[in-house]
Protein backbone atom coordinates (compact mmCIF):
# COMPACT_ATOMS: atom_id res chain seq x y z
CA MET A 1 114.15 108.14 87.42
CA VAL A 2 112.99 105.17 85.09
CA SER A 3 114.80 104.47 82.09
CA LYS A 4 113.38 105.66 78.30
CA ALA A 5 113.68 102.00 78.03
CA MET A 6 111.43 101.07 80.89
CA LEU A 7 108.93 103.50 79.70
CA VAL A 8 108.72 101.97 75.86
CA VAL A 9 108.05 98.23 77.44
CA ALA A 10 105.30 100.10 79.32
CA ALA A 11 104.16 101.76 76.84
CA LEU A 12 104.39 98.57 74.54
CA ALA A 13 103.46 95.61 76.28
CA THR A 14 100.26 93.97 75.99
CA PHE A 15 99.45 90.19 77.19
CA ALA A 16 97.01 87.84 75.00
CA GLY A 17 95.35 86.36 78.39
CA GLY A 18 93.08 88.13 80.77
CA ALA A 19 93.46 88.71 84.33
CA PRO A 20 94.47 85.91 86.83
CA SER A 21 90.59 84.76 88.48
CA ASP A 22 89.94 86.26 91.72
CA PRO A 23 87.04 86.14 93.86
CA LEU A 24 86.61 90.30 93.92
CA GLU A 25 87.59 90.27 89.75
CA LEU A 26 84.05 91.22 88.23
CA VAL A 27 84.65 91.69 84.86
CA ASN A 28 84.99 88.40 83.42
CA GLY A 29 83.07 88.70 80.10
CA GLN A 30 83.25 91.58 77.37
CA ALA A 31 83.62 94.99 78.26
CA GLN A 32 82.69 97.88 75.59
CA VAL A 33 85.38 100.35 74.42
CA MET A 34 83.76 104.19 75.45
CA HIS A 35 84.71 105.12 71.55
CA THR A 36 82.42 108.33 71.44
CA ARG A 37 82.61 111.92 73.45
CA ALA A 38 79.24 110.96 75.23
CA SER A 39 80.11 107.73 76.34
CA ARG A 40 83.33 108.71 77.44
CA GLY A 41 81.52 111.32 79.05
CA ALA A 42 79.31 109.54 80.80
CA ALA A 43 81.86 106.65 82.00
CA LEU A 44 83.82 109.90 83.46
CA ASP A 45 81.00 111.46 85.18
CA LEU A 46 80.43 108.15 86.74
CA LEU A 47 83.99 107.91 87.88
CA ALA A 48 83.80 111.83 89.49
CA HIS A 49 80.42 111.30 91.00
CA ALA A 50 81.71 108.82 93.30
CA ARG A 51 85.00 110.24 94.20
CA GLY A 52 83.19 113.53 94.93
CA SER A 53 81.74 111.10 98.09
CA TYR A 54 85.55 111.03 98.99
CA ALA A 55 85.86 114.96 98.76
CA LEU A 56 85.71 116.10 102.37
CA ARG A 57 88.01 119.08 102.38
CA SER A 58 86.03 120.51 99.77
CA ALA A 59 83.12 121.20 102.11
CA GLY A 60 84.47 124.05 104.15
CA GLN A 61 83.84 122.01 107.24
CA ALA A 62 86.03 121.19 109.90
CA TYR A 63 86.35 118.05 110.87
CA ASP A 64 87.71 114.88 113.53
CA LEU A 65 87.90 111.69 111.44
CA LYS A 66 89.07 109.03 113.62
CA VAL A 67 89.91 105.16 111.88
CA LYS A 68 91.30 102.16 112.89
CA PHE A 69 92.82 99.02 110.66
CA THR A 70 94.51 95.74 111.33
CA VAL A 71 97.35 94.75 108.99
CA THR A 72 97.79 90.53 108.80
CA SER A 73 100.46 90.43 105.80
CA GLY A 74 102.24 87.70 107.20
CA GLY A 75 105.51 89.99 107.14
CA GLU A 76 105.35 90.20 103.88
CA THR A 77 104.77 94.12 104.75
CA GLN A 78 106.28 96.33 107.66
CA TYR A 79 103.91 96.97 110.60
CA ASP A 80 101.32 93.84 111.36
CA GLY A 81 98.79 94.00 113.63
CA ALA A 82 96.71 97.11 115.06
CA TRP A 83 97.09 100.52 113.68
CA GLU A 84 94.54 103.80 115.18
CA MET A 85 94.70 107.20 112.65
CA GLU A 86 93.44 110.58 113.02
CA ASP A 87 92.69 113.42 110.99
CA VAL A 88 91.91 116.97 112.24
CA PHE A 89 90.98 119.41 109.22
CA ASP A 90 90.06 123.24 109.31
CA PRO A 91 89.53 124.68 106.32
CA ALA A 92 90.87 127.68 107.54
CA GLN A 93 93.87 126.64 109.31
CA GLY A 94 95.03 123.21 107.64
CA LEU A 95 95.23 119.56 108.31
CA ARG A 96 96.83 117.44 111.18
CA TRP A 97 97.21 114.10 110.91
CA THR A 98 98.66 111.15 112.90
CA ALA A 99 98.98 107.52 113.09
CA LYS A 100 100.10 104.54 115.67
CA ALA A 101 100.49 100.85 115.03
CA GLU A 102 100.83 98.97 118.28
CA ALA A 103 104.37 97.61 116.27
CA GLY A 104 105.93 101.07 117.25
CA TYR A 105 105.30 103.00 114.42
CA THR A 106 104.19 106.80 114.90
CA THR A 107 104.14 109.47 112.80
CA THR A 108 102.22 113.28 113.01
CA GLN A 109 101.98 115.55 109.64
CA ILE A 110 100.84 118.81 109.32
CA ALA A 111 100.15 120.65 106.50
CA ALA A 112 99.29 124.75 107.37
CA ASN A 113 99.36 127.82 104.83
CA GLY A 114 100.81 125.61 102.14
CA VAL A 115 103.65 124.19 104.46
CA PHE A 116 103.82 120.55 105.09
CA TYR A 117 106.02 119.36 107.96
CA GLY A 118 106.32 115.95 109.73
CA GLU A 119 107.70 113.79 112.45
CA GLY A 120 108.15 110.03 113.92
CA THR A 121 109.96 107.18 113.66
CA SER A 122 110.52 107.26 110.67
CA SER A 123 110.23 110.04 107.41
CA THR A 124 109.08 107.32 105.11
CA ILE A 125 105.38 106.59 105.05
CA PRO A 126 104.92 102.71 105.93
CA LEU A 127 103.19 101.15 102.76
CA ARG A 128 99.30 99.83 104.43
CA LEU A 129 99.45 103.26 106.42
CA GLN A 130 99.78 105.02 102.79
CA GLU A 131 97.05 102.16 101.51
CA ALA A 132 94.67 103.09 104.26
CA ARG A 133 95.12 106.84 103.49
CA ALA A 134 94.61 106.44 99.77
CA ALA A 135 91.62 103.80 100.32
CA LEU A 136 89.74 106.94 101.96
CA PHE A 137 91.08 110.24 100.36
CA ASP A 138 92.13 109.27 97.23
CA PRO A 139 90.66 105.88 95.59
CA ILE A 140 89.59 107.21 92.33
CA PRO A 141 91.67 108.61 89.53
CA THR A 142 90.91 112.26 88.15
CA GLU A 143 89.62 112.65 85.05
CA ARG A 144 92.83 114.57 84.14
CA ASN A 145 95.09 111.37 84.62
CA VAL A 146 93.02 108.97 82.86
CA ASP A 147 92.58 111.72 79.36
CA GLY A 148 93.46 110.11 76.41
CA GLN A 149 93.47 106.40 78.19
CA VAL A 150 91.39 103.66 76.79
CA ILE A 151 88.29 103.69 78.82
CA ARG A 152 85.91 100.27 78.51
CA THR A 153 82.96 99.38 80.58
CA SER A 154 81.43 96.54 82.02
CA THR A 155 78.48 95.62 83.95
CA ALA A 156 78.59 92.93 86.75
CA THR A 157 76.77 91.50 89.94
CA LEU A 158 78.27 92.17 93.37
CA ASN A 159 76.39 91.01 96.25
CA GLY A 160 73.58 90.37 94.05
CA ALA A 161 73.07 93.91 93.25
CA GLN A 162 74.51 95.08 89.71
CA VAL A 163 77.48 97.63 89.45
CA THR A 164 78.98 99.58 86.41
CA CYS A 165 82.79 98.61 86.20
CA VAL A 166 85.08 101.15 84.62
CA LEU A 167 88.23 99.82 83.16
CA PHE A 168 91.69 101.85 81.66
CA SER A 169 94.60 102.28 80.30
CA GLY A 170 97.22 104.08 78.66
CA THR A 171 97.54 100.87 75.68
CA LYS A 172 94.95 99.64 73.85
CA GLY A 173 95.38 96.01 73.58
CA ALA A 174 94.06 92.67 72.64
CA ALA A 175 90.02 92.60 72.38
CA ILE A 176 89.54 89.68 74.65
CA PRO A 177 87.10 88.93 77.37
CA GLY A 178 87.25 90.01 80.90
CA ARG A 179 90.25 92.66 82.24
CA ARG A 180 93.64 93.09 80.95
CA TRP A 181 96.56 92.96 83.06
CA GLU A 182 97.32 96.95 82.82
CA GLU A 183 93.94 97.97 83.14
CA THR A 184 92.58 99.42 86.38
CA GLU A 185 89.55 98.84 87.68
CA GLU A 186 86.53 100.97 89.31
CA CYS A 187 83.17 99.11 89.91
CA ILE A 188 80.62 101.44 91.21
CA ASP A 189 76.88 101.23 92.28
CA PRO A 190 75.59 103.13 89.40
CA GLN A 191 71.94 103.64 91.70
CA SER A 192 73.75 105.37 94.95
CA GLY A 193 76.50 106.55 93.22
CA LEU A 194 79.50 104.95 95.23
CA LEU A 195 82.24 103.25 95.20
CA MET A 196 82.01 99.51 95.55
CA VAL A 197 85.18 98.02 94.18
CA HIS A 198 88.58 99.59 93.48
CA SER A 199 91.53 97.55 92.02
CA GLN A 200 94.93 99.18 90.39
CA ILE A 201 96.35 95.99 89.31
CA PRO A 202 94.64 92.00 89.18
CA GLY A 203 95.44 90.20 92.47
CA ARG A 204 95.08 93.60 94.55
CA TYR A 205 91.42 94.72 95.54
CA TYR A 206 89.57 97.22 98.02
CA ALA A 207 86.26 96.19 98.89
CA TYR A 208 83.67 98.79 100.63
CA GLU A 209 81.38 98.56 102.64
CA TYR A 210 78.75 101.41 103.55
CA GLY A 211 76.18 99.70 106.20
CA ASP A 212 75.46 102.74 108.89
CA ALA A 213 78.21 104.61 107.03
CA PRO A 214 79.49 108.15 108.70
CA GLN A 215 78.49 111.18 106.51
CA ALA A 216 79.20 114.66 106.73
CA GLY A 217 76.46 116.62 104.38
CA SER A 218 76.59 114.95 101.07
CA TYR A 219 79.78 113.29 101.58
CA VAL A 220 79.95 109.84 102.56
CA LEU A 221 82.66 107.64 103.68
CA PRO A 222 82.75 103.77 103.89
CA LYS A 223 82.40 101.71 107.17
CA ARG A 224 84.31 99.35 106.36
CA VAL A 225 87.43 98.84 103.53
CA THR A 226 88.50 95.31 103.00
CA VAL A 227 92.34 94.86 101.11
CA THR A 228 93.06 91.70 99.59
CA GLU A 229 95.99 90.68 97.61
CA ALA A 230 95.53 86.98 95.92
CA GLY A 231 92.51 86.31 97.57
CA LYS A 232 93.44 87.00 100.92
CA THR A 233 92.36 89.78 103.77
CA VAL A 234 95.65 91.60 104.03
CA SER A 235 93.95 95.32 105.93
CA VAL A 236 90.19 96.01 107.00
CA ILE A 237 90.35 99.31 107.66
CA SER A 238 87.52 100.91 109.63
CA VAL A 239 85.99 104.47 110.02
CA VAL A 240 85.49 104.70 113.36
CA SER A 241 83.70 108.03 113.73
CA LEU A 242 83.34 111.33 111.44
CA GLU A 243 82.62 114.53 113.84
CA GLU A 244 82.07 118.05 112.64
CA LEU A 245 83.62 120.45 114.08
CA PRO A 246 82.61 124.35 114.76
CA GLY A 247 86.41 124.92 115.13
CA VAL A 248 89.02 123.68 115.94
CA ASP A 249 92.23 124.56 118.00
CA ALA A 250 95.23 126.66 116.22
CA SER A 251 97.72 125.22 118.21
CA LEU A 252 97.66 121.88 116.89
CA PHE A 253 98.86 122.88 113.52
CA GLU A 254 101.86 124.84 115.03
CA PRO A 255 105.15 122.99 114.00
CA THR A 256 107.31 121.56 116.67
CA GLU A 257 111.05 122.48 116.81
CA ALA A 258 111.60 119.19 115.39
CA MET A 259 109.64 119.69 112.56
CA LEU A 260 110.88 123.07 111.35
CA ALA A 261 114.36 121.40 111.96
CA ARG A 262 113.93 118.43 109.62
CA GLY A 263 112.21 120.33 106.77
CA PRO A 264 109.33 119.72 104.23
CA SER A 265 107.74 116.40 104.99
CA ILE A 266 107.12 113.66 102.76
CA GLU A 267 104.35 113.51 100.06
CA MET A 268 102.29 110.65 99.19
CA ALA A 269 102.18 110.77 95.28
CA GLU A 270 100.22 109.52 93.00
CA ALA A 271 100.84 105.63 92.13
CA GLN A 272 103.35 104.50 89.01
CA LYS A 273 102.60 100.86 86.63
CA LEU A 274 105.21 99.41 84.74
CA SER A 275 105.37 96.69 82.58
CA ARG A 276 108.19 94.82 81.81
CA ALA A 277 109.89 92.24 79.85
CA ALA A 278 111.57 89.50 82.79
CA GLY A 279 112.95 86.76 80.77
CA LYS A 280 112.52 83.14 80.81
CA SER A 281 109.74 81.70 82.65
CA ILE A 282 111.01 78.34 84.98
CA SER A 283 107.51 76.88 83.66
CA THR A 284 106.28 75.81 80.49
CA VAL A 285 103.36 77.79 80.71
CA ALA A 286 103.94 81.60 81.71
CA GLN A 287 101.75 84.55 83.15
CA PRO A 288 102.58 87.69 83.99
CA VAL A 289 103.22 88.23 87.65
CA GLY A 290 102.59 91.57 89.37
CA VAL A 291 105.06 92.65 92.07
CA PHE A 292 103.56 95.57 94.42
CA GLY A 293 105.66 98.24 96.49
CA LEU A 294 106.88 101.41 97.75
CA VAL A 295 109.40 103.50 96.11
CA THR A 296 110.83 105.84 98.78
CA ALA A 297 112.29 109.36 98.56
CA ALA A 298 115.71 107.59 98.04
CA GLY A 299 114.37 105.61 95.36
CA GLU A 300 114.22 102.48 96.92
CA LEU A 301 111.89 99.54 96.37
CA VAL A 302 110.73 98.31 99.53
CA GLU A 303 108.06 96.36 101.24
CA ALA A 304 107.97 94.63 97.69
CA HIS A 305 105.89 91.73 96.99
CA SER A 306 103.94 89.51 94.61
CA LEU A 307 100.51 89.88 94.11
CA GLN A 308 100.32 85.93 92.73
CA PRO A 309 102.18 84.25 95.16
CA ALA A 310 101.55 80.41 94.05
CA ASP A 311 103.00 81.57 90.46
CA PRO A 312 106.55 79.70 89.92
CA ASN A 313 107.56 83.13 88.64
CA SER A 314 107.00 85.02 91.96
CA ALA A 315 110.17 85.10 93.24
CA ALA A 316 111.91 86.03 89.91
CA ALA A 317 109.35 88.52 89.61
CA ILE A 318 109.96 90.30 92.62
CA GLU A 319 113.87 90.49 92.11
CA ASP A 320 113.96 91.44 88.63
CA ALA A 321 111.39 94.50 90.30
CA LYS A 322 114.63 95.31 92.44
CA GLN A 323 116.69 96.22 89.59
CA ILE A 324 115.01 98.84 88.33
CA ASN A 325 116.37 102.11 89.01
CA PHE A 326 113.87 104.04 90.86
CA SER A 327 115.47 107.19 91.47
CA HIS A 328 112.91 110.48 90.84
CA PRO A 329 112.76 113.83 91.56
CA ALA A 330 111.90 115.64 94.34
CA GLY A 331 108.11 116.62 94.33
CA THR A 332 106.06 119.69 94.59
CA GLY A 333 108.31 122.62 96.46
CA GLY A 334 110.81 120.71 96.76
CA ARG A 335 109.13 117.86 99.30
CA PRO A 336 110.55 114.49 99.39
CA ARG A 337 108.21 112.03 97.54
CA GLN A 338 107.05 108.32 97.31
CA TYR A 339 105.05 106.35 95.92
CA PHE A 340 103.18 103.18 95.05
CA VAL A 341 104.78 100.99 92.74
CA PHE A 342 103.13 97.94 90.46
CA VAL A 343 105.58 96.45 87.93
CA ILE A 344 103.66 93.59 86.05
CA GLU A 345 106.68 91.50 85.35
CA LYS A 346 106.14 89.10 81.67
CA PHE A 347 107.95 86.15 81.46
CA VAL A 348 108.74 83.72 78.38
CA ALA A 349 107.67 80.17 78.70
CA SER A 350 110.20 77.44 78.18
CA GLN A 351 110.16 75.42 75.15
């Protein structure tokens, strides 16, 4: 569990400087704070509409979704190379999804009648696999998750078209141009209502493309999602096909003996974001450094890496993040849980 002292730092930390420049950082000028109930409601409605496009399991229709993605992290995270993933869903029976990487990882996960089972190479879902699932099934926070947070909006241009960017965070911060370090950013096409750019922390972006997009009724998935970190593409996620099914073979949702013996499978919980005073900078000019990683069910921070790798404090930021005690209780129904963590490491400039 994160210590109370850490939570205090997270609640109070704000930074004078805005987010670092990035080709996909669209908010560079002033953003308007949504003070009134009406203005907040409009921003939340925009988010809800975009989020609804991805809610395939709410349609009451069985489907088969096939996805491929390629990871090119340069060894910063596990299982670089080609991946395949498939989801088979039946509203009367449950969900079965599988994934395999050419580097050797495999998993099969079943959710049926409120019980979750899994088997494969490891009980932990690798960071890039959870990333691909988050990009397609849960990219935008719900209204409940942003309730009480500061909301700002700004118009921007992406590929020649206007988008509306919604920024939100748990701290008020300074009234500065551009995005603040602690803000999550969702940029949406106001005409189609589709999500175009998603960014939980500066330096890391999902860019969505909808040309020849797969559809099931009113639900629209992107044809491609490109994930970038520090301006470098680290994963390209492609939806190969989305097929509506008249029904699904019930045997697909029956757990194997190995699944039953293993017990409840891993829960991929919502991401956490922390701010932390990291200490003295080795540079005379200090900026925050974002560290991104995965917290396992055992509370271990794995696949951690800097989102500003060129910063002279990058290595120190990663090491400092690894000192945090991430132990946490089990999730829903006693299931082991893992989650993304974003640690904003704040350094004090050398004199």
